[in-house]
Amino acid sequence: MRADIIIGIDPDTHLSGVGRLDVASRKASATTLPFALLIDYVRDVVKSAHATNDKVVVVVECSWGEAHN
């Protein structure tokens, strides 16, 4: 599956890290958002991508599968 936009999420209890890569332009951005705003952000990206027939892939880090300090 070819993606036009890739969103990566590093979930956390207070602020989650989120990165976006626009594949064609090779433009990357990163920020942190609380969970509710993160959901709104992903929803807005998908809605915008749908209007232009772009494909979006969302990757979520599996932090619960790793040992932590």
C-alpha atoms as a PDB file:
ATOM      1  CA  MET A   1       0.000   0.000   0.000  1.00  0.00           C
ATOM      2  CA  ARG A   2       1.415   3.338  -1.041  1.00  0.00           C
ATOM      3  CA  ALA A   3       0.847   6.133   1.456  1.00  0.00           C
ATOM      4  CA  ASP A   4       0.739   9.824   0.593  1.00  0.00           C
ATOM      5  CA  ILE A   5       0.726  10.906   4.244  1.00  0.00           C
ATOM      6  CA  ILE A   6       2.257   8.981   7.146  1.00  0.00           C
ATOM      7  CA  ILE A   7       1.364   9.874  10.733  1.00  0.00           C
ATOM      8  CA  GLY A   8       3.378   8.411  13.599  1.00  0.00           C
ATOM      9  CA  ILE A   9       2.088   8.531  17.166  1.00  0.00           C
ATOM     10  CA  ASP A  10       4.066   8.036  20.388  1.00  0.00           C
ATOM     11  CA  PRO A  11       1.260   7.777  22.972  1.00  0.00           C
ATOM     12  CA  ASP A  12       1.630   9.102  26.508  1.00  0.00           C
ATOM     13  CA  THR A  13      -0.704   9.871  29.382  1.00  0.00           C
ATOM     14  CA  HIS A  14      -0.356  13.673  29.230  1.00  0.00           C
ATOM     15  CA  LEU A  15       1.000  14.649  25.824  1.00  0.00           C
ATOM     16  CA  SER A  16       1.441  12.297  22.891  1.00  0.00           C
ATOM     17  CA  GLY A  17       4.109  12.860  20.287  1.00  0.00           C
ATOM     18  CA  VAL A  18       2.859  13.026  16.728  1.00  0.00           C
ATOM     19  CA  GLY A  19       4.828  13.272  13.515  1.00  0.00           C
ATOM     20  CA  ARG A  20       3.585  13.732   9.972  1.00  0.00           C
ATOM     21  CA  LEU A  21       5.364  13.036   6.713  1.00  0.00           C
ATOM     22  CA  ASP A  22       3.975  14.243   3.400  1.00  0.00           C
ATOM     23  CA  VAL A  23       5.652  11.727   1.117  1.00  0.00           C
ATOM     24  CA  ALA A  24       5.512  13.627  -2.195  1.00  0.00           C
ATOM     25  CA  SER A  25       6.976  16.862  -0.823  1.00  0.00           C
ATOM     26  CA  ARG A  26       9.170  15.064   1.758  1.00  0.00           C
ATOM     27  CA  LYS A  27       7.951  17.613   4.310  1.00  0.00           C
ATOM     28  CA  ALA A  28       8.011  16.430   7.921  1.00  0.00           C
ATOM     29  CA  SER A  29       6.551  18.006  11.045  1.00  0.00           C
ATOM     30  CA  ALA A  30       6.366  17.000  14.692  1.00  0.00           C
ATOM     31  CA  THR A  31       4.521  18.222  17.769  1.00  0.00           C
ATOM     32  CA  THR A  32       2.926  17.055  21.008  1.00  0.00           C
ATOM     33  CA  LEU A  33      -0.805  17.022  21.654  1.00  0.00           C
ATOM     34  CA  PRO A  34      -3.149  15.918  24.436  1.00  0.00           C
ATOM     35  CA  PHE A  35      -5.220  12.870  23.485  1.00  0.00           C
ATOM     36  CA  ALA A  36      -8.446  14.703  22.561  1.00  0.00           C
ATOM     37  CA  LEU A  37      -6.623  17.128  20.242  1.00  0.00           C
ATOM     38  CA  LEU A  38      -4.617  14.246  18.768  1.00  0.00           C
ATOM     39  CA  ILE A  39      -7.851  12.510  17.748  1.00  0.00           C
ATOM     40  CA  ASP A  40      -9.123  15.759  16.203  1.00  0.00           C
ATOM     41  CA  TYR A  41      -5.821  16.207  14.356  1.00  0.00           C
ATOM     42  CA  VAL A  42      -5.887  12.700  12.853  1.00  0.00           C
ATOM     43  CA  ARG A  43      -9.561  13.091  11.921  1.00  0.00           C
ATOM     44  CA  ASP A  44      -8.815  16.420  10.177  1.00  0.00           C
ATOM     45  CA  VAL A  45      -5.848  14.978   8.249  1.00  0.00           C
ATOM     46  CA  VAL A  46      -7.900  11.985   7.084  1.00  0.00           C
ATOM     47  CA  LYS A  47     -10.827  14.218   6.077  1.00  0.00           C
ATOM     48  CA  SER A  48      -8.531  16.528   4.110  1.00  0.00           C
ATOM     49  CA  ALA A  49      -6.747  13.585   2.478  1.00  0.00           C
ATOM     50  CA  HIS A  50     -10.056  12.013   1.507  1.00  0.00           C
ATOM     51  CA  ALA A  51     -11.005  15.177  -0.390  1.00  0.00           C
ATOM     52  CA  THR A  52      -7.831  14.901  -2.508  1.00  0.00           C
ATOM     53  CA  ASN A  53      -7.812  11.067  -2.797  1.00  0.00           C
ATOM     54  CA  ASP A  54      -4.612  10.826  -0.749  1.00  0.00           C
ATOM     55  CA  LYS A  55      -3.940   7.709   1.313  1.00  0.00           C
ATOM     56  CA  VAL A  56      -3.090   8.079   5.003  1.00  0.00           C
ATOM     57  CA  VAL A  57      -1.263   5.528   7.138  1.00  0.00           C
ATOM     58  CA  VAL A  58      -1.201   5.930  10.930  1.00  0.00           C
ATOM     59  CA  VAL A  59       1.499   4.114  12.922  1.00  0.00           C
ATOM     60  CA  VAL A  60       1.193   3.896  16.722  1.00  0.00           C
ATOM     61  CA  GLU A  61       4.182   2.950  18.872  1.00  0.00           C
ATOM     62  CA  CYS A  62       3.578  -0.184  20.954  1.00  0.00           C
ATOM     63  CA  SER A  63       5.155   1.114  24.171  1.00  0.00           C
ATOM     64  CA  TRP A  64       3.254  -1.359  26.355  1.00  0.00           C
ATOM     65  CA  GLY A  65       5.183  -4.230  24.754  1.00  0.00           C
ATOM     66  CA  GLU A  66       8.551  -2.992  26.052  1.00  0.00           C
ATOM     67  CA  ALA A  67      10.150  -2.892  29.489  1.00  0.00           C
ATOM     68  CA  HIS A  68      10.383   0.564  31.101  1.00  0.00           C
ATOM     69  CA  ASN A  69      12.299   1.998  34.050  1.00  0.00           C
END
